[in-house]
Each structure stands twice: as structure tokens, then as C-alpha cells.
Amino acid sequence: MQSPVTERKRAFRNIQIGQLMHYRLPLAGKVSILHRVSGLLLFVSLPFILYLLEQSLTSEISFDAFKGFLANPIVKIITLVLSWAYLHHFCAGIRFLLLDTHVAVNKEGGKQTALIVLVVSLLLTLAMALKLFGVF
């Protein structure tokens, strides 16, 4: 048995900003960070979204103005980003609800559900982009 004087203690240090580029985050961690980013984006853009909703519901004239506003390609891209944020936040939220009920809590299950969230949210965003840009 080692004496307390010679026993080595493990040193735990905080990760510095420069080390973040070299740290490989698992897929579940990336989905978690994207969930937070999408939630923040939705929260910040909520007044803008509610204003657009109010303008679209006021009258036929304001709805026509809204359609003209949405015809701008930059506004379409912003709408697409907000659509991705909503769809990813929704899919990741379902994943986290399943994790709360102890479904796929192990490492492999977490990786699979994270991949499913990424694929489903990107496919739904692609469908939204195709609809938004008038493909169908």
C-alpha cells in the first residue's frame, strides 16, 4: 500500500478554447449541441415568426404582401434555416423523450438514435426546401 505522500492524484483540468478543435465529440454530443443551437435560434426568431404569422392572418391584402415577401430568395433561405431549426429541435426532442424513458440508453443505442435524428431532420428539411423553392 502506498503512503499518502507518494500517492499521485489525478489532475482534472478544464478544456481550453484552443483544445476544442482537437476534441472529437461523439455523434450524440453533436446532436445535443445542435438541439441547443436550434432551440436558441427558434427562441431568438420567435418575435419575427409571430409578426409574420400575424401579417399573414390579418387580411387578404396582407397575405398577398406576405407571399411577395416570401418570394425573395434571401427570405426563402432564412425560412429554410428556421425550418431546419424547428425540424431538428422536434426530432431531437423526441429522441431525448425516449432517452428519458430509458429507451436506447446505452452507447450504441445513443449513436443510432443520434444518426436517425440527423438523417430524418435533414430529409424533412430537404423536402421543405424542395417545396419552398417550387420543385413540387
C-alpha atoms as a PDB file:
ATOM      1  CA  MET A   1       0.000   0.000   0.000  1.00  0.00           C
ATOM      2  CA  GLN A   2       1.293   3.423  -0.926  1.00  0.00           C
ATOM      3  CA  SER A   3       1.647   6.133   1.622  1.00  0.00           C
ATOM      4  CA  PRO A   4      -0.472   9.277   1.190  1.00  0.00           C
ATOM      5  CA  VAL A   5       2.660  11.291   0.466  1.00  0.00           C
ATOM      6  CA  THR A   6       3.772   9.196  -2.529  1.00  0.00           C
ATOM      7  CA  GLU A   7       0.282   8.606  -3.926  1.00  0.00           C
ATOM      8  CA  ARG A   8      -0.272  10.526  -7.168  1.00  0.00           C
ATOM      9  CA  LYS A   9      -3.507  12.400  -7.583  1.00  0.00           C
ATOM     10  CA  ARG A  10      -5.158  12.727 -10.943  1.00  0.00           C
ATOM     11  CA  ALA A  11      -5.367  16.296 -12.100  1.00  0.00           C
ATOM     12  CA  PHE A  12      -8.563  17.348 -13.803  1.00  0.00           C
ATOM     13  CA  ARG A  13      -8.289  20.449 -15.911  1.00  0.00           C
ATOM     14  CA  ASN A  14     -10.865  22.414 -17.816  1.00  0.00           C
ATOM     15  CA  ILE A  15     -10.810  22.202 -21.592  1.00  0.00           C
ATOM     16  CA  GLN A  16      -9.437  25.382 -23.100  1.00  0.00           C
ATOM     17  CA  ILE A  17     -10.886  27.054 -26.197  1.00  0.00           C
ATOM     18  CA  GLY A  18      -7.887  26.012 -28.313  1.00  0.00           C
ATOM     19  CA  GLN A  19      -8.396  22.377 -27.368  1.00  0.00           C
ATOM     20  CA  LEU A  20     -11.973  22.296 -28.674  1.00  0.00           C
ATOM     21  CA  MET A  21     -10.766  21.974 -32.267  1.00  0.00           C
ATOM     22  CA  HIS A  22      -8.875  18.787 -31.407  1.00  0.00           C
ATOM     23  CA  TYR A  23     -11.602  17.238 -29.244  1.00  0.00           C
ATOM     24  CA  ARG A  24     -13.669  14.648 -31.129  1.00  0.00           C
ATOM     25  CA  LEU A  25     -17.222  14.871 -29.912  1.00  0.00           C
ATOM     26  CA  PRO A  26     -19.375  11.741 -30.341  1.00  0.00           C
ATOM     27  CA  LEU A  27     -22.398  11.923 -32.637  1.00  0.00           C
ATOM     28  CA  ALA A  28     -24.810  12.041 -29.705  1.00  0.00           C
ATOM     29  CA  GLY A  29     -22.928  15.059 -28.342  1.00  0.00           C
ATOM     30  CA  LYS A  30     -23.153  16.834 -31.695  1.00  0.00           C
ATOM     31  CA  VAL A  31     -26.908  16.203 -31.823  1.00  0.00           C
ATOM     32  CA  SER A  32     -27.217  17.576 -28.295  1.00  0.00           C
ATOM     33  CA  ILE A  33     -25.327  20.746 -29.201  1.00  0.00           C
ATOM     34  CA  LEU A  34     -27.368  21.171 -32.396  1.00  0.00           C
ATOM     35  CA  HIS A  35     -30.532  20.731 -30.296  1.00  0.00           C
ATOM     36  CA  ARG A  36     -29.441  23.624 -28.098  1.00  0.00           C
ATOM     37  CA  VAL A  37     -28.448  25.779 -31.082  1.00  0.00           C
ATOM     38  CA  SER A  38     -31.747  25.130 -32.849  1.00  0.00           C
ATOM     39  CA  GLY A  39     -33.681  25.936 -29.675  1.00  0.00           C
ATOM     40  CA  LEU A  40     -31.791  29.204 -29.276  1.00  0.00           C
ATOM     41  CA  LEU A  41     -32.387  30.084 -32.920  1.00  0.00           C
ATOM     42  CA  LEU A  42     -36.106  29.410 -32.565  1.00  0.00           C
ATOM     43  CA  PHE A  43     -36.310  31.435 -29.366  1.00  0.00           C
ATOM     44  CA  VAL A  44     -34.486  34.432 -30.838  1.00  0.00           C
ATOM     45  CA  SER A  45     -36.535  34.387 -34.053  1.00  0.00           C
ATOM     46  CA  LEU A  46     -39.883  33.911 -32.293  1.00  0.00           C
ATOM     47  CA  PRO A  47     -40.923  37.609 -32.468  1.00  0.00           C
ATOM     48  CA  PHE A  48     -40.180  37.657 -36.209  1.00  0.00           C
ATOM     49  CA  ILE A  49     -42.132  34.433 -36.781  1.00  0.00           C
ATOM     50  CA  LEU A  50     -45.112  35.702 -34.775  1.00  0.00           C
ATOM     51  CA  TYR A  51     -45.058  39.012 -36.670  1.00  0.00           C
ATOM     52  CA  LEU A  52     -45.127  37.159 -39.998  1.00  0.00           C
ATOM     53  CA  LEU A  53     -47.950  34.943 -38.768  1.00  0.00           C
ATOM     54  CA  GLU A  54     -49.945  37.982 -37.672  1.00  0.00           C
ATOM     55  CA  GLN A  55     -49.349  39.707 -41.012  1.00  0.00           C
ATOM     56  CA  SER A  56     -50.433  36.645 -42.959  1.00  0.00           C
ATOM     57  CA  LEU A  57     -53.677  36.287 -40.989  1.00  0.00           C
ATOM     58  CA  THR A  58     -54.795  39.932 -40.887  1.00  0.00           C
ATOM     59  CA  SER A  59     -56.373  40.266 -44.328  1.00  0.00           C
ATOM     60  CA  GLU A  60     -56.105  39.147 -47.932  1.00  0.00           C
ATOM     61  CA  ILE A  61     -54.016  42.202 -48.777  1.00  0.00           C
ATOM     62  CA  SER A  62     -51.521  41.485 -46.002  1.00  0.00           C
ATOM     63  CA  PHE A  63     -51.406  37.824 -47.067  1.00  0.00           C
ATOM     64  CA  ASP A  64     -50.538  38.889 -50.631  1.00  0.00           C
ATOM     65  CA  ALA A  65     -47.821  41.145 -49.215  1.00  0.00           C
ATOM     66  CA  PHE A  66     -46.582  38.193 -47.156  1.00  0.00           C
ATOM     67  CA  LYS A  67     -46.416  35.986 -50.269  1.00  0.00           C
ATOM     68  CA  GLY A  68     -44.462  38.718 -52.068  1.00  0.00           C
ATOM     69  CA  PHE A  69     -42.092  38.984 -49.109  1.00  0.00           C
ATOM     70  CA  LEU A  70     -41.581  35.213 -49.109  1.00  0.00           C
ATOM     71  CA  ALA A  71     -40.739  35.255 -52.832  1.00  0.00           C
ATOM     72  CA  ASN A  72     -37.364  36.865 -52.053  1.00  0.00           C
ATOM     73  CA  PRO A  73     -34.573  34.217 -52.239  1.00  0.00           C
ATOM     74  CA  ILE A  74     -32.844  35.504 -49.094  1.00  0.00           C
ATOM     75  CA  VAL A  75     -36.100  35.247 -47.148  1.00  0.00           C
ATOM     76  CA  LYS A  76     -36.545  31.726 -48.509  1.00  0.00           C
ATOM     77  CA  ILE A  77     -33.106  30.766 -47.206  1.00  0.00           C
ATOM     78  CA  ILE A  78     -33.893  32.283 -43.799  1.00  0.00           C
ATOM     79  CA  THR A  79     -37.183  30.380 -43.798  1.00  0.00           C
ATOM     80  CA  LEU A  80     -35.329  27.198 -44.696  1.00  0.00           C
ATOM     81  CA  VAL A  81     -32.867  27.691 -41.823  1.00  0.00           C
ATOM     82  CA  LEU A  82     -35.741  28.271 -39.410  1.00  0.00           C
ATOM     83  CA  SER A  83     -37.473  25.180 -40.806  1.00  0.00           C
ATOM     84  CA  TRP A  84     -34.320  23.135 -40.187  1.00  0.00           C
ATOM     85  CA  ALA A  85     -34.126  24.521 -36.656  1.00  0.00           C
ATOM     86  CA  TYR A  86     -37.730  23.528 -35.943  1.00  0.00           C
ATOM     87  CA  LEU A  87     -37.472  20.084 -37.549  1.00  0.00           C
ATOM     88  CA  HIS A  88     -34.167  19.239 -35.864  1.00  0.00           C
ATOM     89  CA  HIS A  89     -35.371  20.519 -32.495  1.00  0.00           C
ATOM     90  CA  PHE A  90     -38.559  18.466 -32.844  1.00  0.00           C
ATOM     91  CA  CYS A  91     -36.759  15.232 -33.844  1.00  0.00           C
ATOM     92  CA  ALA A  92     -34.064  15.624 -31.191  1.00  0.00           C
ATOM     93  CA  GLY A  93     -36.741  16.393 -28.607  1.00  0.00           C
ATOM     94  CA  ILE A  94     -38.448  13.095 -29.393  1.00  0.00           C
ATOM     95  CA  ARG A  95     -35.058  11.374 -29.052  1.00  0.00           C
ATOM     96  CA  PHE A  96     -34.500  12.945 -25.635  1.00  0.00           C
ATOM     97  CA  LEU A  97     -38.004  11.965 -24.516  1.00  0.00           C
ATOM     98  CA  LEU A  98     -37.217   8.372 -25.492  1.00  0.00           C
ATOM     99  CA  LEU A  99     -33.940   8.574 -23.575  1.00  0.00           C
ATOM    100  CA  ASP A 100     -35.897   9.790 -20.531  1.00  0.00           C
ATOM    101  CA  THR A 101     -37.988   6.628 -20.725  1.00  0.00           C
ATOM    102  CA  HIS A 102     -34.770   4.566 -20.811  1.00  0.00           C
ATOM    103  CA  VAL A 103     -35.037   3.524 -24.462  1.00  0.00           C
ATOM    104  CA  ALA A 104     -31.637   3.069 -26.154  1.00  0.00           C
ATOM    105  CA  VAL A 105     -29.663   4.495 -23.245  1.00  0.00           C
ATOM    106  CA  ASN A 106     -26.512   2.501 -23.978  1.00  0.00           C
ATOM    107  CA  LYS A 107     -23.645   3.830 -26.099  1.00  0.00           C
ATOM    108  CA  GLU A 108     -24.620   2.044 -29.312  1.00  0.00           C
ATOM    109  CA  GLY A 109     -28.299   2.962 -28.970  1.00  0.00           C
ATOM    110  CA  GLY A 110     -27.397   6.593 -28.381  1.00  0.00           C
ATOM    111  CA  LYS A 111     -25.265   6.617 -31.506  1.00  0.00           C
ATOM    112  CA  GLN A 112     -28.027   5.015 -33.591  1.00  0.00           C
ATOM    113  CA  THR A 113     -30.743   7.371 -32.370  1.00  0.00           C
ATOM    114  CA  ALA A 114     -28.477  10.382 -32.946  1.00  0.00           C
ATOM    115  CA  LEU A 115     -27.872   9.241 -36.519  1.00  0.00           C
ATOM    116  CA  ILE A 116     -31.603   8.724 -37.037  1.00  0.00           C
ATOM    117  CA  VAL A 117     -32.306  12.257 -35.762  1.00  0.00           C
ATOM    118  CA  LEU A 118     -29.748  13.768 -38.135  1.00  0.00           C
ATOM    119  CA  VAL A 119     -30.962  11.824 -41.166  1.00  0.00           C
ATOM    120  CA  VAL A 120     -34.687  12.379 -40.536  1.00  0.00           C
ATOM    121  CA  SER A 121     -34.311  16.092 -39.817  1.00  0.00           C
ATOM    122  CA  LEU A 122     -32.152  16.613 -42.911  1.00  0.00           C
ATOM    123  CA  LEU A 123     -34.558  14.649 -45.123  1.00  0.00           C
ATOM    124  CA  LEU A 124     -37.512  16.654 -43.833  1.00  0.00           C
ATOM    125  CA  THR A 125     -35.561  19.871 -44.380  1.00  0.00           C
ATOM    126  CA  LEU A 126     -34.750  18.759 -47.925  1.00  0.00           C
ATOM    127  CA  ALA A 127     -38.449  18.140 -48.588  1.00  0.00           C
ATOM    128  CA  MET A 128     -39.217  21.577 -47.175  1.00  0.00           C
ATOM    129  CA  ALA A 129     -36.556  23.135 -49.419  1.00  0.00           C
ATOM    130  CA  LEU A 130     -37.965  21.428 -52.492  1.00  0.00           C
ATOM    131  CA  LYS A 131     -41.443  22.691 -51.640  1.00  0.00           C
ATOM    132  CA  LEU A 132     -40.197  26.171 -50.756  1.00  0.00           C
ATOM    133  CA  PHE A 133     -38.257  26.607 -53.984  1.00  0.00           C
ATOM    134  CA  GLY A 134     -41.143  25.323 -56.097  1.00  0.00           C
ATOM    135  CA  VAL A 135     -39.934  21.906 -57.278  1.00  0.00           C
ATOM    136  CA  PHE A 136     -43.293  20.360 -56.387  1.00  0.00           C
END
